[in-house]
Amino acid sequence: MRRDARVCNLSYLATDWYIDQMKRPAYNSPSLPISWPRLDYCAGTNDYITVQPELKQQILSFYKDHPVEAKAQFGDNPFELKNIMKYWVRSKDANMHVIPTDTVYVTIDKAAVKKSGMMLASDSIPNQMVISLSGKNALYKNDLMMLEIISRSNWTRPVYVALTVGASSYMNLGDNFVQEGLANRITPFTTTNNGKNGSVKNFDTEKTYRNVMTRYKFGGLQKKGLYVDETVMRMCYTHRRLFAQLAQELIKEGKYDKAKKVLDKCLEVLPAYNIPHNYVSGSLDLAECYAILGQQQKAEQLFNAVWKNSEQYVDFLSCFVWQQLRYINERLSA
């Protein structure tokens, strides 16, 4: 574990004692950029803040009709994240404890972004980071802390969300992710564009390749006869899917030699005799990549392995009558 990096549990970030810890340095890691005084996040305070986008038009009208008074009360940009935190969420007036919009913005220091080492997801750096709160009725304390960290970090310190973290735990920040291996880096770019801008990237092949090929250690899974329990097996599948995803992205970029090395390393460090190939493990994607690269024999071997595994399950399930299958399904869904 790196002592200059801070691991933050997003669930615990809803508690005052954990925020206290995150505001203190630990080993070689500086404190997280949280500027709130303790009275603003202690238990029972700002546990959740409602999102009320219907107020947005009223605020815009206020700025149009009374610009001087509006700027004095809510800042130059009323929907700038720092201003939302200062003038609304942390207002001394309890009636102001709302978020009056479903879209907030973070002004971008472009020089800091260039120095940060992040992959530039598009040809130009935006002036603002757009954070959508669409579909959110309220933000909880841990959500507010995440937004506080983003608004204060100024891209001088990378902020990541683990690949395995569920989408419900990071609001809509997935719109700004660039994947670097097993972690998604939060960036100022909107990377989920639904095909509207083909030049925007959300996968850093260079950093992921370096992580997968040189930095990750796989702990001796090549030893035959290992018992791999369900939890560890799922983790191995996650890694195999990452190998497959990286190979696919490298093929898109025309880096066929690197893609071939990624595929071969995947079969080496995650061997089938300990980590079986099946339809959820990314093995079909590996087969497809091998086929594209002209490695037909390896592609067929992987496809056949997945087919055999699935066929065995079908044969097993066919032994049950439909009432038993319904019972099994109910138990698995419980």
Protein backbone atom coordinates (compact mmCIF):
# COMPACT_ATOMS: atom_id res chain seq x y z
CA MET A 1 0.00 0.00 0.00
CA ARG A 2 1.39 3.41 -0.98
CA ARG A 3 1.82 5.68 2.01
CA ASP A 4 1.45 8.83 -0.10
CA ALA A 5 -2.04 7.86 -1.31
CA ARG A 6 -5.20 8.12 0.77
CA VAL A 7 -7.82 5.39 0.59
CA CYS A 8 -11.25 6.75 1.46
CA ASN A 9 -14.29 4.62 2.25
CA LEU A 10 -17.26 6.43 0.70
CA SER A 11 -19.76 4.93 3.13
CA TYR A 12 -17.77 6.05 6.17
CA LEU A 13 -17.49 9.52 4.64
CA ALA A 14 -21.04 10.11 5.88
CA THR A 15 -19.78 10.15 9.50
CA ASP A 16 -18.13 13.02 11.35
CA TRP A 17 -15.42 10.89 12.99
CA TYR A 18 -14.26 9.58 9.61
CA ILE A 19 -14.24 13.06 8.05
CA ASP A 20 -12.08 14.10 11.02
CA GLN A 21 -9.58 11.40 10.05
CA MET A 22 -9.61 12.37 6.38
CA LYS A 23 -8.84 16.00 7.32
CA ARG A 24 -5.64 14.88 9.05
CA PRO A 25 -2.42 13.82 7.29
CA ALA A 26 -1.52 10.14 7.53
CA TYR A 27 1.99 8.78 6.91
CA ASN A 28 3.16 10.53 3.71
CA SER A 29 -0.37 11.36 2.58
CA PRO A 30 -1.61 14.93 2.97
CA SER A 31 -5.09 15.51 4.33
CA LEU A 32 -8.01 15.49 1.93
CA PRO A 33 -9.00 18.96 0.69
CA ILE A 34 -12.06 19.38 2.92
CA SER A 35 -12.45 22.97 4.11
CA TRP A 36 -15.63 22.56 6.17
CA PRO A 37 -15.36 23.35 9.90
CA ARG A 38 -16.52 20.52 12.14
CA LEU A 39 -19.75 22.27 13.12
CA ASP A 40 -20.89 21.99 9.49
CA TYR A 41 -20.53 18.22 9.29
CA CYS A 42 -20.96 16.93 12.85
CA ALA A 43 -23.61 14.27 13.41
CA GLY A 44 -27.10 15.63 12.73
CA THR A 45 -25.85 18.54 10.61
CA ASN A 46 -26.07 18.45 6.80
CA ASP A 47 -26.82 14.74 6.87
CA TYR A 48 -28.66 15.28 3.61
CA ILE A 49 -29.48 18.27 1.40
CA THR A 50 -32.43 18.24 -0.97
CA VAL A 51 -31.97 18.98 -4.67
CA GLN A 52 -34.57 21.49 -5.87
CA PRO A 53 -33.96 22.34 -9.55
CA GLU A 54 -37.25 24.22 -9.69
CA LEU A 55 -35.46 27.11 -7.94
CA LYS A 56 -33.02 27.55 -10.80
CA GLN A 57 -35.24 29.82 -12.87
CA GLN A 58 -35.97 32.04 -9.89
CA ILE A 59 -32.25 32.52 -9.32
CA LEU A 60 -31.63 33.34 -12.98
CA SER A 61 -34.43 35.91 -12.87
CA PHE A 62 -32.88 37.41 -9.72
CA TYR A 63 -29.51 37.78 -11.50
CA LYS A 64 -31.21 39.33 -14.52
CA ASP A 65 -33.28 41.86 -12.58
CA HIS A 66 -30.89 42.62 -9.71
CA PRO A 67 -27.36 41.58 -10.79
CA VAL A 68 -25.46 43.53 -8.13
CA GLU A 69 -27.53 42.23 -5.23
CA ALA A 70 -27.54 38.71 -6.67
CA LYS A 71 -23.74 38.55 -7.00
CA ALA A 72 -23.33 39.91 -3.49
CA GLN A 73 -25.61 37.19 -2.14
CA PHE A 74 -24.65 34.15 -4.24
CA GLY A 75 -21.34 34.98 -5.99
CA ASP A 76 -20.53 35.69 -9.63
CA ASN A 77 -21.77 32.29 -10.78
CA PRO A 78 -24.64 31.00 -8.65
CA PHE A 79 -24.24 27.42 -9.90
CA GLU A 80 -20.48 27.19 -9.34
CA LEU A 81 -19.95 24.28 -6.95
CA LYS A 82 -17.97 26.34 -4.43
CA ASN A 83 -20.73 28.94 -4.33
CA ILE A 84 -23.42 26.28 -3.91
CA MET A 85 -21.50 24.91 -0.93
CA LYS A 86 -20.82 28.32 0.60
CA TYR A 87 -24.08 30.18 0.08
CA TRP A 88 -26.59 27.34 0.17
CA VAL A 89 -25.44 24.07 1.74
CA ARG A 90 -23.47 25.74 4.54
CA SER A 91 -25.64 28.83 4.87
CA LYS A 92 -26.36 30.12 8.38
CA ASP A 93 -30.00 30.27 7.32
CA ALA A 94 -31.42 26.74 7.65
CA ASN A 95 -34.08 27.55 5.03
CA MET A 96 -31.29 27.91 2.45
CA HIS A 97 -29.99 24.37 2.98
CA VAL A 98 -30.92 23.14 -0.50
CA ILE A 99 -29.19 22.70 -3.84
CA PRO A 100 -31.14 24.95 -6.23
CA THR A 101 -30.14 23.21 -9.46
CA ASP A 102 -29.63 19.77 -10.97
CA THR A 103 -26.40 20.83 -12.72
CA VAL A 104 -23.37 22.31 -10.98
CA TYR A 105 -20.10 23.54 -12.43
CA VAL A 106 -16.44 23.64 -11.47
CA THR A 107 -14.28 26.29 -13.15
CA ILE A 108 -11.22 24.59 -14.62
CA ASP A 109 -7.62 25.66 -14.11
CA LYS A 110 -6.36 24.49 -17.49
CA ALA A 111 -2.69 24.85 -16.57
CA ALA A 112 -3.22 22.57 -13.56
CA VAL A 113 -4.97 19.99 -15.73
CA LYS A 114 -2.03 19.95 -18.17
CA LYS A 115 0.43 19.44 -15.32
CA SER A 116 -1.67 16.75 -13.63
CA GLY A 117 -0.54 13.86 -15.84
CA MET A 118 -4.09 12.81 -16.67
CA MET A 119 -4.92 11.72 -20.19
CA LEU A 120 -6.51 14.61 -22.07
CA ALA A 121 -9.76 12.98 -23.08
CA SER A 122 -10.42 15.42 -25.91
CA ASP A 123 -8.52 17.89 -28.08
CA SER A 124 -9.42 20.84 -25.85
CA ILE A 125 -9.80 21.33 -22.11
CA PRO A 126 -13.26 22.64 -21.17
CA ASN A 127 -13.70 25.88 -19.27
CA GLN A 128 -15.99 24.16 -16.79
CA MET A 129 -16.53 20.70 -15.43
CA VAL A 130 -20.21 19.81 -15.64
CA ILE A 131 -21.60 17.65 -12.83
CA SER A 132 -25.13 16.43 -13.37
CA LEU A 133 -27.38 15.82 -10.37
CA SER A 134 -30.22 14.71 -12.58
CA GLY A 135 -32.43 12.11 -10.94
CA LYS A 136 -31.21 13.01 -7.46
CA ASN A 137 -33.77 14.11 -4.89
CA ALA A 138 -31.12 14.72 -2.25
CA LEU A 139 -27.38 14.47 -1.63
CA TYR A 140 -26.13 12.84 1.54
CA LYS A 141 -23.15 13.92 3.59
CA ASN A 142 -20.75 11.55 1.82
CA ASP A 143 -21.93 12.91 -1.56
CA LEU A 144 -21.32 16.46 -0.36
CA MET A 145 -17.84 15.51 0.83
CA MET A 146 -17.01 14.05 -2.58
CA LEU A 147 -18.12 17.28 -4.25
CA GLU A 148 -16.12 19.29 -1.72
CA ILE A 149 -12.98 17.28 -2.51
CA ILE A 150 -13.46 17.80 -6.25
CA SER A 151 -14.09 21.52 -5.88
CA ARG A 152 -10.97 22.01 -3.74
CA SER A 153 -8.46 19.62 -5.33
CA ASN A 154 -7.78 21.83 -8.39
CA TRP A 155 -6.44 18.76 -10.24
CA THR A 156 -3.13 18.90 -8.36
CA ARG A 157 -3.88 15.56 -6.74
CA PRO A 158 -5.67 12.80 -8.67
CA VAL A 159 -9.01 11.53 -7.36
CA TYR A 160 -10.00 7.97 -8.24
CA VAL A 161 -13.02 5.72 -7.73
CA ALA A 162 -12.41 1.97 -7.69
CA LEU A 163 -13.77 0.10 -10.70
CA THR A 164 -15.84 -2.16 -8.43
CA VAL A 165 -17.67 0.69 -6.66
CA GLY A 166 -21.37 0.72 -7.56
CA ALA A 167 -22.74 3.66 -9.54
CA SER A 168 -25.09 4.61 -6.67
CA SER A 169 -22.04 5.50 -4.56
CA TYR A 170 -20.62 8.28 -6.73
CA MET A 171 -23.68 10.23 -7.92
CA ASN A 172 -23.36 10.91 -11.66
CA LEU A 173 -19.59 11.41 -11.61
CA GLY A 174 -19.28 8.44 -13.96
CA ASP A 175 -19.93 11.02 -16.68
CA ASN A 176 -16.41 12.32 -15.98
CA PHE A 177 -14.46 9.07 -15.61
CA VAL A 178 -11.34 8.02 -17.46
CA GLN A 179 -10.42 4.43 -16.68
CA GLU A 180 -6.83 3.68 -15.67
CA GLY A 181 -6.73 -0.02 -14.93
CA LEU A 182 -8.86 -1.00 -11.94
CA ALA A 183 -9.68 2.60 -11.05
CA ASN A 184 -11.63 5.40 -12.69
CA ARG A 185 -10.02 8.81 -12.55
CA ILE A 186 -12.34 11.78 -12.09
CA THR A 187 -11.55 14.35 -14.79
CA PRO A 188 -12.98 17.70 -15.92
CA PHE A 189 -14.01 16.11 -19.23
CA THR A 190 -17.49 14.81 -19.97
CA THR A 191 -16.57 11.37 -21.27
CA THR A 192 -20.00 9.78 -21.64
CA ASN A 193 -21.09 11.43 -24.87
CA ASN A 194 -23.40 8.79 -26.38
CA GLY A 195 -21.51 9.07 -29.64
CA LYS A 196 -22.05 12.81 -30.00
CA ASN A 197 -18.32 13.50 -30.03
CA GLY A 198 -16.20 10.62 -31.24
CA SER A 199 -12.93 12.28 -30.18
CA VAL A 200 -13.65 12.03 -26.45
CA LYS A 201 -11.90 9.10 -24.75
CA ASN A 202 -12.74 7.42 -21.45
CA PHE A 203 -10.03 4.75 -21.35
CA ASP A 204 -6.31 5.46 -20.87
CA THR A 205 -4.62 2.59 -22.68
CA GLU A 206 -1.07 3.67 -21.86
CA LYS A 207 -1.55 3.83 -18.08
CA THR A 208 -3.68 0.68 -18.06
CA TYR A 209 -1.10 -1.21 -20.13
CA ARG A 210 1.67 -0.18 -17.74
CA ASN A 211 -0.42 -1.18 -14.72
CA VAL A 212 -1.46 -4.56 -16.13
CA MET A 213 1.87 -5.54 -17.63
CA THR A 214 4.38 -4.25 -15.07
CA ARG A 215 2.73 -3.08 -11.83
CA TYR A 216 0.00 -5.58 -10.94
CA LYS A 217 1.05 -8.74 -9.10
CA PHE A 218 -1.13 -11.82 -9.40
CA GLY A 219 0.06 -13.86 -6.42
CA GLY A 220 0.92 -17.23 -7.93
CA LEU A 221 -2.37 -18.29 -9.48
CA GLN A 222 -0.33 -20.44 -11.88
CA LYS A 223 0.11 -23.06 -9.14
CA LYS A 224 -2.14 -25.98 -10.02
CA GLY A 225 -4.65 -27.35 -7.57
CA LEU A 226 -5.38 -24.07 -5.77
CA TYR A 227 -8.74 -23.66 -4.10
CA VAL A 228 -10.20 -20.36 -5.30
CA ASP A 229 -13.31 -19.39 -3.35
CA GLU A 230 -16.25 -17.50 -4.80
CA THR A 231 -15.10 -14.06 -3.67
CA VAL A 232 -11.57 -14.41 -5.02
CA MET A 233 -12.96 -15.97 -8.21
CA ARG A 234 -15.06 -12.87 -8.86
CA MET A 235 -11.98 -10.72 -8.37
CA CYS A 236 -10.09 -12.87 -10.88
CA TYR A 237 -12.95 -12.45 -13.36
CA THR A 238 -12.74 -8.68 -12.87
CA HIS A 239 -9.05 -8.80 -13.78
CA ARG A 240 -9.68 -11.03 -16.79
CA ARG A 241 -12.35 -8.64 -18.05
CA LEU A 242 -9.86 -5.80 -17.62
CA PHE A 243 -7.31 -7.66 -19.77
CA ALA A 244 -9.98 -8.18 -22.43
CA GLN A 245 -11.11 -4.56 -22.30
CA LEU A 246 -7.54 -3.32 -22.61
CA ALA A 247 -6.90 -5.58 -25.59
CA GLN A 248 -10.06 -4.31 -27.28
CA GLU A 249 -9.03 -0.69 -26.77
CA LEU A 250 -5.50 -1.34 -28.04
CA ILE A 251 -6.93 -2.99 -31.15
CA LYS A 252 -9.10 0.08 -31.76
CA GLU A 253 -5.93 2.18 -31.63
CA GLY A 254 -4.12 -0.16 -34.03
CA LYS A 255 -1.62 -1.32 -31.39
CA TYR A 256 -1.83 -4.98 -32.32
CA ASP A 257 1.51 -6.08 -30.84
CA LYS A 258 0.60 -4.69 -27.43
CA ALA A 259 -2.85 -6.26 -27.64
CA LYS A 260 -1.29 -9.66 -28.34
CA LYS A 261 1.04 -9.31 -25.33
CA VAL A 262 -1.91 -8.39 -23.10
CA LEU A 263 -3.90 -11.43 -24.22
CA ASP A 264 -0.98 -13.81 -23.73
CA LYS A 265 -0.24 -12.43 -20.27
CA CYS A 266 -3.90 -12.87 -19.30
CA LEU A 267 -3.78 -16.58 -20.15
CA GLU A 268 -0.48 -16.89 -18.29
CA VAL A 269 -1.40 -15.24 -14.98
CA LEU A 270 -5.07 -16.30 -14.91
CA PRO A 271 -4.85 -19.90 -16.15
CA ALA A 272 -8.01 -21.80 -16.99
CA TYR A 273 -7.16 -24.73 -14.68
CA ASN A 274 -7.70 -22.40 -11.69
CA ILE A 275 -9.90 -19.66 -13.20
CA PRO A 276 -12.35 -21.39 -15.56
CA HIS A 277 -13.54 -19.69 -18.72
CA ASN A 278 -17.23 -18.84 -18.76
CA TYR A 279 -19.59 -16.30 -20.24
CA VAL A 280 -19.18 -13.78 -17.38
CA SER A 281 -15.38 -13.91 -17.12
CA GLY A 282 -14.51 -11.92 -20.23
CA SER A 283 -13.29 -15.02 -22.04
CA LEU A 284 -15.48 -14.49 -25.11
CA ASP A 285 -13.96 -11.01 -25.50
CA LEU A 286 -10.50 -12.57 -25.28
CA ALA A 287 -11.50 -15.02 -28.01
CA GLU A 288 -12.80 -12.22 -30.21
CA CYS A 289 -9.55 -10.27 -29.82
CA TYR A 290 -7.45 -13.30 -30.69
CA ALA A 291 -9.61 -13.84 -33.78
CA ILE A 292 -9.13 -10.23 -34.89
CA LEU A 293 -5.37 -10.64 -34.46
CA GLY A 294 -5.39 -13.76 -36.63
CA GLN A 295 -4.83 -16.21 -33.77
CA GLN A 296 -7.66 -18.52 -34.79
CA GLN A 297 -6.54 -21.57 -32.81
CA LYS A 298 -6.43 -19.69 -29.48
CA ALA A 299 -9.75 -18.03 -30.30
CA GLU A 300 -11.37 -21.42 -30.91
CA GLN A 301 -9.90 -22.90 -27.74
CA LEU A 302 -11.37 -20.10 -25.64
CA PHE A 303 -14.73 -20.24 -27.36
CA ASN A 304 -14.91 -23.99 -26.92
CA ALA A 305 -14.00 -23.69 -23.24
CA VAL A 306 -16.85 -21.21 -22.67
CA TRP A 307 -19.22 -23.42 -24.68
CA LYS A 308 -18.27 -26.51 -22.67
CA ASN A 309 -18.74 -24.69 -19.36
CA SER A 310 -22.17 -23.41 -20.41
CA GLU A 311 -23.17 -26.82 -21.76
CA GLN A 312 -22.33 -28.43 -18.43
CA TYR A 313 -24.59 -25.98 -16.62
CA VAL A 314 -27.42 -26.61 -19.08
CA ASP A 315 -27.06 -30.36 -18.58
CA PHE A 316 -27.06 -29.88 -14.82
CA LEU A 317 -30.16 -27.67 -14.80
CA SER A 318 -32.00 -29.98 -17.18
CA CYS A 319 -32.01 -32.60 -14.43
CA PHE A 320 -34.50 -30.52 -12.43
CA VAL A 321 -38.21 -30.15 -12.99
CA TRP A 322 -39.51 -26.61 -13.42
CA GLN A 323 -40.75 -26.35 -9.79
CA GLN A 324 -37.25 -27.04 -8.52
CA LEU A 325 -35.77 -24.49 -10.92
CA ARG A 326 -38.22 -21.86 -9.70
CA TYR A 327 -37.22 -22.61 -6.10
CA ILE A 328 -33.50 -22.33 -6.95
CA ASN A 329 -34.08 -19.03 -8.76
CA GLU A 330 -36.01 -17.64 -5.80
CA ARG A 331 -33.24 -18.65 -3.41
CA LEU A 332 -30.57 -17.07 -5.60
CA SER A 333 -32.60 -13.87 -5.93
CA ALA A 334 -33.31 -13.56 -2.20
